[in-house]
Amino acid sequence: MSDVFKWPVALPECLSVSMDDTIAVLTLNRPHKRNALCDELVLGMQVFFSSIPSNVQGWLFMVPAVTFAQGST
């Protein structure tokens, strides 16, 4: 997998994109909030999905396992 990729449009700091050949890997980066969804994150994901370059053939959503809020208990 390559280093962080420069996406065609600006994404918020809570998201990062890397490329694995023609696959875009979108990673959540809000460990201080256990990667819980927030307006900034959701809007950033909307920007990501509305700006996928034509050379990208697929995407993968990644969340660091140790920093994931999986819902209420």
C-alpha atoms as a PDB file:
ATOM      1  CA  MET A   1       0.000   0.000   0.000  1.00  0.00           C
ATOM      2  CA  SER A   2       1.291   3.454  -0.811  1.00  0.00           C
ATOM      3  CA  ASP A   3       1.713   6.361   1.573  1.00  0.00           C
ATOM      4  CA  VAL A   4      -1.109   8.818   2.119  1.00  0.00           C
ATOM      5  CA  PHE A   5      -2.436   9.798  -1.281  1.00  0.00           C
ATOM      6  CA  LYS A   6      -3.212  13.387  -2.316  1.00  0.00           C
ATOM      7  CA  TRP A   7      -6.951  13.205  -3.034  1.00  0.00           C
ATOM      8  CA  PRO A   8      -8.218  15.569  -5.785  1.00  0.00           C
ATOM      9  CA  VAL A   9     -10.182  17.638  -3.246  1.00  0.00           C
ATOM     10  CA  ALA A  10      -9.460  18.496   0.382  1.00  0.00           C
ATOM     11  CA  LEU A  11     -10.713  16.042   2.986  1.00  0.00           C
ATOM     12  CA  PRO A  12     -10.987  16.773   6.719  1.00  0.00           C
ATOM     13  CA  GLU A  13      -8.173  15.653   9.013  1.00  0.00           C
ATOM     14  CA  CYS A  14     -10.415  12.906  10.402  1.00  0.00           C
ATOM     15  CA  LEU A  15     -10.092  11.031   7.076  1.00  0.00           C
ATOM     16  CA  SER A  16      -7.052   9.859   5.163  1.00  0.00           C
ATOM     17  CA  VAL A  17      -6.776   8.166   1.785  1.00  0.00           C
ATOM     18  CA  SER A  18      -4.095   5.823   0.537  1.00  0.00           C
ATOM     19  CA  MET A  19      -3.964   3.859  -2.689  1.00  0.00           C
ATOM     20  CA  ASP A  20      -3.329   0.145  -3.175  1.00  0.00           C
ATOM     21  CA  ASP A  21      -2.880  -0.077  -6.930  1.00  0.00           C
ATOM     22  CA  THR A  22      -6.311   1.069  -8.205  1.00  0.00           C
ATOM     23  CA  ILE A  23      -8.098   0.672  -4.853  1.00  0.00           C
ATOM     24  CA  ALA A  24      -8.678   3.762  -2.700  1.00  0.00           C
ATOM     25  CA  VAL A  25      -8.401   3.009   1.022  1.00  0.00           C
ATOM     26  CA  LEU A  26     -10.364   5.469   3.152  1.00  0.00           C
ATOM     27  CA  THR A  27      -9.314   5.411   6.825  1.00  0.00           C
ATOM     28  CA  LEU A  28     -11.055   7.076   9.767  1.00  0.00           C
ATOM     29  CA  ASN A  29      -8.723   9.120  11.960  1.00  0.00           C
ATOM     30  CA  ARG A  30     -10.607  10.198  15.113  1.00  0.00           C
ATOM     31  CA  PRO A  31      -9.011   8.005  17.785  1.00  0.00           C
ATOM     32  CA  HIS A  32      -9.743  10.537  20.539  1.00  0.00           C
ATOM     33  CA  LYS A  33     -13.476   9.919  19.870  1.00  0.00           C
ATOM     34  CA  ARG A  34     -13.053   6.202  19.068  1.00  0.00           C
ATOM     35  CA  ASN A  35     -13.864   7.067  15.427  1.00  0.00           C
ATOM     36  CA  ALA A  36     -17.491   7.831  16.247  1.00  0.00           C
ATOM     37  CA  LEU A  37     -19.349   9.529  13.413  1.00  0.00           C
ATOM     38  CA  CYS A  38     -19.673  13.299  13.510  1.00  0.00           C
ATOM     39  CA  ASP A  39     -20.817  15.927  11.007  1.00  0.00           C
ATOM     40  CA  GLU A  40     -17.249  16.582   9.812  1.00  0.00           C
ATOM     41  CA  LEU A  41     -16.630  12.880   9.213  1.00  0.00           C
ATOM     42  CA  VAL A  42     -19.921  12.270   7.399  1.00  0.00           C
ATOM     43  CA  LEU A  43     -19.482  15.358   5.202  1.00  0.00           C
ATOM     44  CA  GLY A  44     -15.889  14.313   4.474  1.00  0.00           C
ATOM     45  CA  MET A  45     -17.097  10.883   3.386  1.00  0.00           C
ATOM     46  CA  GLN A  46     -19.631  12.585   1.094  1.00  0.00           C
ATOM     47  CA  VAL A  47     -16.797  14.622  -0.457  1.00  0.00           C
ATOM     48  CA  PHE A  48     -14.687  11.449  -0.844  1.00  0.00           C
ATOM     49  CA  PHE A  49     -17.432   9.519  -2.632  1.00  0.00           C
ATOM     50  CA  SER A  50     -18.376  12.443  -4.867  1.00  0.00           C
ATOM     51  CA  SER A  51     -14.779  12.989  -6.024  1.00  0.00           C
ATOM     52  CA  ILE A  52     -13.443   9.503  -6.817  1.00  0.00           C
ATOM     53  CA  PRO A  53     -11.041   9.792  -9.794  1.00  0.00           C
ATOM     54  CA  SER A  54     -11.768   7.720 -12.892  1.00  0.00           C
ATOM     55  CA  ASN A  55      -8.647   5.572 -12.406  1.00  0.00           C
ATOM     56  CA  VAL A  56      -9.959   4.251  -9.052  1.00  0.00           C
ATOM     57  CA  GLN A  57     -11.631   0.879  -9.620  1.00  0.00           C
ATOM     58  CA  GLY A  58     -12.800   0.259  -6.049  1.00  0.00           C
ATOM     59  CA  TRP A  59     -12.608   1.492  -2.500  1.00  0.00           C
ATOM     60  CA  LEU A  60     -12.065   0.010   0.930  1.00  0.00           C
ATOM     61  CA  PHE A  61     -13.218   1.480   4.228  1.00  0.00           C
ATOM     62  CA  MET A  62     -10.769   1.033   7.133  1.00  0.00           C
ATOM     63  CA  VAL A  63     -11.166   1.732  10.822  1.00  0.00           C
ATOM     64  CA  PRO A  64      -8.290   1.075  13.229  1.00  0.00           C
ATOM     65  CA  ALA A  65      -9.581  -1.824  15.359  1.00  0.00           C
ATOM     66  CA  VAL A  66      -8.391  -0.443  18.676  1.00  0.00           C
ATOM     67  CA  THR A  67     -10.176   2.873  18.179  1.00  0.00           C
ATOM     68  CA  PHE A  68     -13.665   1.981  17.011  1.00  0.00           C
ATOM     69  CA  ALA A  69     -16.950   2.821  18.734  1.00  0.00           C
ATOM     70  CA  GLN A  70     -19.290  -0.005  17.797  1.00  0.00           C
ATOM     71  CA  GLY A  71     -22.515   1.315  19.249  1.00  0.00           C
ATOM     72  CA  SER A  72     -24.319   1.540  22.530  1.00  0.00           C
ATOM     73  CA  THR A  73     -24.400  -1.184  25.155  1.00  0.00           C
END
